[in-house]
Protein backbone atom coordinates (compact mmCIF):
# COMPACT_ATOMS: atom_id res chain seq x y z
CA MET A 1 0.58 -35.25 -4.92
CA PRO A 2 -2.18 -32.41 -5.72
CA SER A 3 -0.78 -29.68 -7.02
CA ILE A 4 -1.35 -26.29 -4.72
CA ALA A 5 -2.96 -22.86 -5.86
CA ILE A 6 -2.27 -20.01 -4.64
CA ILE A 7 -4.95 -17.14 -4.30
CA THR A 8 -3.96 -13.33 -2.72
CA ASP A 9 -6.46 -10.29 -2.56
CA SER A 10 -5.73 -7.67 -5.46
CA THR A 11 -3.67 -5.07 -2.68
CA ALA A 12 -0.81 -7.21 -2.71
CA TYR A 13 -0.21 -6.08 -6.69
CA LEU A 14 2.60 -8.53 -7.40
CA PRO A 15 3.64 -7.64 -10.68
CA PRO A 16 2.73 -9.65 -14.14
CA GLU A 17 5.30 -11.93 -14.03
CA TYR A 18 5.06 -12.96 -11.03
CA ILE A 19 1.36 -13.99 -11.30
CA GLN A 20 1.96 -15.95 -14.61
CA LYS A 21 5.30 -17.56 -13.10
CA TYR A 22 3.56 -18.72 -9.68
CA HIS A 23 0.13 -19.36 -11.84
CA LEU A 24 -1.50 -16.88 -9.07
CA LYS A 25 -4.79 -16.16 -8.24
CA ILE A 26 -5.78 -13.01 -7.98
CA ALA A 27 -9.16 -12.03 -5.78
CA PRO A 28 -10.02 -8.32 -6.60
CA LEU A 29 -10.73 -5.56 -3.80
CA THR A 30 -13.34 -3.28 -4.84
CA VAL A 31 -13.25 0.89 -5.37
CA LEU A 32 -16.41 2.55 -5.23
CA PHE A 33 -16.57 6.07 -6.25
CA GLY A 34 -19.56 7.31 -5.47
CA GLU A 35 -22.18 4.69 -7.13
CA GLU A 36 -19.90 3.54 -9.53
CA SER A 37 -17.88 0.37 -8.29
CA TYR A 38 -14.39 -0.95 -10.31
CA ARG A 39 -12.57 -4.31 -9.86
CA ASP A 40 -9.07 -3.21 -8.16
CA GLY A 41 -6.40 -3.80 -10.99
CA ILE A 42 -9.35 -4.85 -13.32
CA ASP A 43 -11.62 -2.36 -14.19
CA ILE A 44 -9.69 0.56 -13.10
CA SER A 45 -5.59 0.77 -13.58
CA PRO A 46 -3.57 2.69 -10.73
CA ARG A 47 -2.89 5.46 -13.06
CA GLU A 48 -6.80 5.81 -14.28
CA PHE A 49 -7.25 5.89 -10.12
CA TYR A 50 -4.65 8.27 -9.12
CA ASP A 51 -5.40 10.80 -12.28
CA ARG A 52 -9.29 10.91 -10.98
CA LEU A 53 -8.35 10.82 -7.56
CA LYS A 54 -6.82 13.89 -7.93
CA THR A 55 -9.56 16.36 -9.50
CA SER A 56 -12.94 14.01 -7.69
CA THR A 57 -14.92 15.68 -5.49
CA ILE A 58 -16.15 11.99 -3.91
CA MET A 59 -13.58 10.30 -1.44
CA PRO A 60 -13.65 7.01 -3.16
CA THR A 61 -14.17 4.15 -0.46
CA THR A 62 -13.10 0.35 -0.36
CA SER A 63 -14.96 -2.77 -0.67
CA GLN A 64 -12.99 -6.68 0.60
CA VAL A 65 -13.84 -9.20 -1.80
CA THR A 66 -17.14 -11.27 -0.89
CA ILE A 67 -17.62 -14.90 -0.05
CA GLY A 68 -19.02 -15.38 -3.74
CA ALA A 69 -16.21 -14.78 -5.27
CA PHE A 70 -13.92 -16.96 -2.95
CA LYS A 71 -16.00 -20.04 -3.27
CA ASP A 72 -15.67 -19.38 -6.99
CA LEU A 73 -12.66 -19.51 -6.94
CA TYR A 74 -12.84 -22.35 -3.92
CA GLU A 75 -14.54 -24.35 -7.10
CA ASP A 76 -12.85 -23.95 -9.57
CA LEU A 77 -9.46 -24.98 -8.09
CA PHE A 78 -10.90 -27.97 -7.07
CA GLN A 79 -12.71 -28.82 -9.77
CA ALA A 80 -8.73 -28.67 -10.95
CA GLY A 81 -7.42 -31.21 -8.69
CA ALA A 82 -5.60 -27.96 -6.26
CA GLU A 83 -5.23 -27.58 -3.10
CA THR A 84 -5.66 -24.10 -2.39
CA LEU A 85 -3.87 -21.56 0.41
CA VAL A 86 -4.97 -18.00 0.70
CA ILE A 87 -2.78 -15.15 1.79
CA THR A 88 -4.81 -12.34 2.38
CA ILE A 89 -4.54 -8.54 3.07
CA SER A 90 -4.36 -7.80 7.26
CA GLY A 91 -8.28 -8.67 8.89
CA LYS A 92 -7.56 -5.29 11.09
CA LEU A 93 -7.76 -3.80 7.76
CA SER A 94 -9.99 -5.66 5.31
CA GLY A 95 -12.93 -8.17 5.94
CA THR A 96 -11.51 -9.82 3.31
CA VAL A 97 -9.18 -12.89 5.31
CA GLU A 98 -13.28 -13.73 7.07
CA SER A 99 -14.86 -13.87 3.35
CA ALA A 100 -12.20 -16.42 2.72
CA ARG A 101 -12.94 -18.31 5.54
CA GLN A 102 -16.47 -18.22 5.43
CA ALA A 103 -16.44 -19.62 1.69
CA ARG A 104 -14.93 -22.46 3.06
CA GLN A 105 -18.06 -24.00 3.87
CA PHE A 106 -19.11 -23.93 0.18
CA VAL A 107 -16.76 -25.92 -1.29
CA PRO A 108 -16.27 -28.42 2.13
CA GLU A 109 -14.45 -31.93 0.11
CA ALA A 110 -11.62 -29.12 -0.77
CA LYS A 111 -8.91 -28.75 0.97
CA ILE A 112 -8.13 -25.13 1.72
CA GLU A 113 -5.55 -22.91 4.26
CA VAL A 114 -6.12 -18.84 4.92
CA VAL A 115 -3.48 -17.16 6.71
CA ASP A 116 -4.00 -13.88 7.58
CA SER A 117 -0.94 -11.50 6.03
CA LEU A 118 -1.12 -9.29 8.94
CA SER A 119 0.06 -6.20 6.40
CA THR A 120 -0.60 -6.00 2.60
CA THR A 121 0.77 -4.07 -0.42
CA VAL A 122 4.55 -5.16 -1.45
CA GLU A 123 5.05 -6.85 2.41
CA GLN A 124 2.19 -9.00 1.50
CA GLY A 125 3.63 -9.99 -1.65
CA LEU A 126 6.93 -10.66 -0.91
CA ILE A 127 5.03 -13.48 2.03
CA VAL A 128 3.31 -14.43 -0.90
CA LEU A 129 6.05 -14.91 -3.46
CA ALA A 130 7.97 -17.02 -1.01
CA ALA A 131 4.89 -19.51 -0.14
CA ALA A 132 4.92 -19.47 -3.95
CA ARG A 133 8.62 -20.11 -4.25
CA ALA A 134 7.68 -23.18 -2.00
CA ALA A 135 4.79 -24.99 -3.63
CA ALA A 136 7.02 -24.33 -7.33
CA SER A 137 9.73 -26.57 -5.30
CA GLY A 138 7.24 -29.42 -4.10
CA ALA A 139 6.12 -28.46 -0.65
CA SER A 140 2.97 -29.74 0.60
CA LEU A 141 -0.08 -27.44 1.56
CA MET A 142 1.01 -27.38 4.99
CA GLU A 143 4.68 -27.01 4.67
CA CYS A 144 3.01 -23.84 2.27
CA LYS A 145 1.30 -22.74 4.76
CA GLN A 146 4.12 -22.94 7.32
CA VAL A 147 6.69 -21.35 4.83
CA THR A 148 3.60 -18.16 5.11
CA GLU A 149 3.42 -17.95 8.84
CA GLN A 150 7.44 -18.20 9.10
CA ALA A 151 7.40 -15.40 6.12
CA ARG A 152 5.41 -13.29 8.44
CA GLN A 153 7.92 -13.46 10.58
CA ARG A 154 10.76 -12.59 7.97
CA THR A 155 9.25 -9.23 6.16
CA GLY A 156 8.27 -5.66 7.36
CA VAL A 157 7.46 -2.22 4.97
CA VAL A 158 7.21 0.51 6.06
CA PHE A 159 6.36 3.11 4.31
CA ALA A 160 6.26 7.97 3.45
CA VAL A 161 3.31 9.53 2.70
CA ASP A 162 2.95 13.31 2.04
CA THR A 163 -0.41 13.65 4.32
CA LEU A 164 -2.45 11.46 6.83
CA GLU A 165 -5.63 12.90 5.78
CA PHE A 166 -6.23 9.63 3.23
CA LEU A 167 -6.02 7.44 6.19
CA HIS A 168 -7.66 9.95 8.45
CA ARG A 169 -10.24 9.76 6.52
CA GLY A 170 -10.64 6.42 5.88
CA GLY A 171 -10.74 5.10 9.42
CA ARG A 172 -6.94 3.01 8.41
CA ILE A 173 -5.21 5.63 10.54
CA GLY A 174 -4.59 3.15 13.47
CA GLY A 175 -1.29 4.31 15.71
CA ALA A 176 -0.68 6.90 13.19
CA LYS A 177 -2.76 9.64 14.44
CA ARG A 178 -0.05 10.40 17.31
CA PHE A 179 0.91 12.71 14.14
CA MET A 180 -2.48 14.36 12.93
CA GLY A 181 -1.29 17.65 14.72
CA THR A 182 2.32 18.02 13.94
CA LEU A 183 3.01 20.66 11.26
CA LEU A 184 1.82 20.32 7.46
CA ASN A 185 5.36 20.73 6.70
CA ILE A 186 6.44 17.02 8.67
CA LYS A 187 6.25 13.85 6.46
CA PRO A 188 4.70 10.90 8.22
CA ILE A 189 7.04 7.54 8.36
CA LEU A 190 4.31 5.27 9.03
CA THR A 191 4.80 0.91 9.46
CA ILE A 192 2.13 -1.75 9.66
CA ASN A 193 2.24 -3.66 12.72
CA ALA A 194 0.67 -6.52 14.37
CA GLY A 195 -2.22 -5.79 11.41
CA GLN A 196 -2.47 -2.12 11.31
CA VAL A 197 -0.90 1.33 10.47
CA ASP A 198 1.78 2.69 12.91
CA ALA A 199 3.58 5.91 13.65
CA LEU A 200 7.43 5.21 13.49
CA GLU A 201 8.94 8.82 12.96
CA GLN A 202 8.77 12.24 11.38
CA ALA A 203 10.94 13.98 8.87
CA ARG A 204 11.11 16.96 8.14
CA THR A 205 11.24 16.89 3.78
CA ARG A 206 9.68 14.33 1.27
CA LYS A 207 13.50 13.84 0.30
CA LYS A 208 14.43 12.75 3.87
CA SER A 209 11.61 10.55 4.46
CA ILE A 210 12.33 8.75 1.63
CA SER A 211 15.76 8.28 2.70
CA ARG A 212 14.78 7.34 5.39
CA LEU A 213 12.80 4.31 4.21
CA VAL A 214 16.54 3.16 3.50
CA ASP A 215 17.91 3.18 6.94
CA ILE A 216 15.42 1.51 8.83
CA VAL A 217 14.99 -1.19 6.53
CA ALA A 218 18.91 -1.76 6.62
CA GLU A 219 18.78 -1.52 10.49
CA ARG A 220 15.88 -4.52 10.66
CA VAL A 221 18.09 -6.71 8.17
CA ALA A 222 21.61 -5.97 9.95
CA GLY A 223 22.95 -9.99 9.80
CA LYS A 224 20.06 -11.57 8.22
CA SER A 225 21.16 -13.48 4.29
CA GLN A 226 19.12 -13.57 1.38
CA VAL A 227 17.42 -10.96 1.70
CA ARG A 228 14.93 -9.49 -1.77
CA LEU A 229 12.87 -6.07 -1.50
CA GLY A 230 9.42 -4.55 -2.93
CA VAL A 231 9.11 -0.58 -3.22
CA SER A 232 5.90 0.35 -4.31
CA HIS A 233 3.92 3.65 -5.22
CA ALA A 234 1.27 5.55 -5.64
CA ASN A 235 2.17 7.48 -9.00
CA ALA A 236 5.42 8.41 -7.76
CA LEU A 237 7.00 5.97 -10.37
CA GLU A 238 10.28 8.45 -10.26
CA GLU A 239 10.48 8.24 -6.51
CA ALA A 240 9.94 4.77 -5.78
CA GLN A 241 13.26 3.78 -8.80
CA ALA A 242 15.41 6.23 -6.66
CA LEU A 243 14.53 4.24 -4.02
CA MET A 244 14.98 0.80 -5.07
CA GLY A 245 18.56 2.00 -6.17
CA MET A 246 19.49 3.63 -3.05
CA ALA A 247 18.12 0.62 -0.89
CA SER A 248 19.56 -2.09 -3.21
CA MET A 249 23.11 -0.27 -3.42
CA ARG A 250 23.48 -0.37 0.71
CA LEU A 251 22.03 -3.99 0.67
CA ASP A 252 22.21 -5.76 -2.37
CA PRO A 253 19.08 -8.18 -2.52
CA VAL A 254 18.52 -11.26 -4.26
CA GLY A 255 15.63 -10.49 -5.75
CA ALA A 256 14.11 -6.63 -6.40
CA MET A 257 10.56 -5.52 -7.58
CA ILE A 258 8.35 -3.13 -8.03
CA THR A 259 4.88 -2.55 -8.26
CA ASP A 260 2.21 0.21 -7.99
CA LEU A 261 0.07 0.76 -4.99
CA SER A 262 -3.39 -0.61 -5.79
CA PRO A 263 -5.78 1.52 -6.29
CA VAL A 264 -7.62 0.57 -3.27
CA ILE A 265 -5.10 0.87 -0.83
CA GLY A 266 -4.32 4.22 -2.62
CA THR A 267 -8.06 4.87 -1.64
CA HIS A 268 -6.38 5.23 2.56
CA VAL A 269 -2.69 6.63 1.98
CA GLY A 270 -3.10 9.30 -0.89
CA PRO A 271 -1.27 9.96 -4.09
CA GLY A 272 3.01 10.18 -4.08
CA THR A 273 2.76 7.58 -0.78
CA VAL A 274 6.03 5.47 -1.38
CA ALA A 275 6.95 1.62 0.45
CA LEU A 276 10.14 -0.11 0.85
CA ALA A 277 9.39 -3.83 2.10
CA TYR A 278 11.49 -6.78 3.29
CA TYR A 279 11.76 -10.28 3.38
CA TYR A 280 14.33 -12.24 5.08
CA GLU A 281 15.32 -16.14 4.99
CA ALA A 282 17.01 -16.13 8.51
């Protein structure tokens, strides 16, 4: 049986050990500072990006993975004898999934399935890892696709941002726009719902907003088994570690990871953002 190759985009920002273990292929989105272009996670690291964001007078923008980039990956994997599963950032947040779909026409002989994760960041990463575990266990391409689609129903993410300014500027604010008129000291708690950013609630302090993430996830996974957790952060490692500590103590996960928030996503949510995602088997 042909091997199954999995491609995801850089917004999942999985830790290197998982990329190596499952031989994942990463298609980078692009960060643009004016005329300067950087491939996400390749030409600019999260630390470099957030340091520059603090002082830049130019608001960065982002660009989806190109059709050509996917075409090149598909051709390489086809020549290597692999069938390919692509798991992308939500189509409501980026045109990357459409690039992945359109690129298939250039390699018509290859078996390629594309799944919109309806998410991004660490939630997308947990979905990718569910598919990767299935592939490693010998599942077929269609079985891996089914696992991916099921994983979308068993994952979620909540995140605390310092400000809605970046989401508003980038046009990704979605349902969170109803928080725009609130007092400056209110800390929004957001989620991704049906593929787009949505508002959940507000907290009065940064500390309360972060601890509330654990409460929300605990409510969502109550009674579930084999819970896995992921935390991502935008230049807020200490808070991310504290968040994971609280979540792990309360939920006793079978797996957990902390990762940087992709600069592409950081462009839209801003420094200081922390996210807590979960996945459960049943």
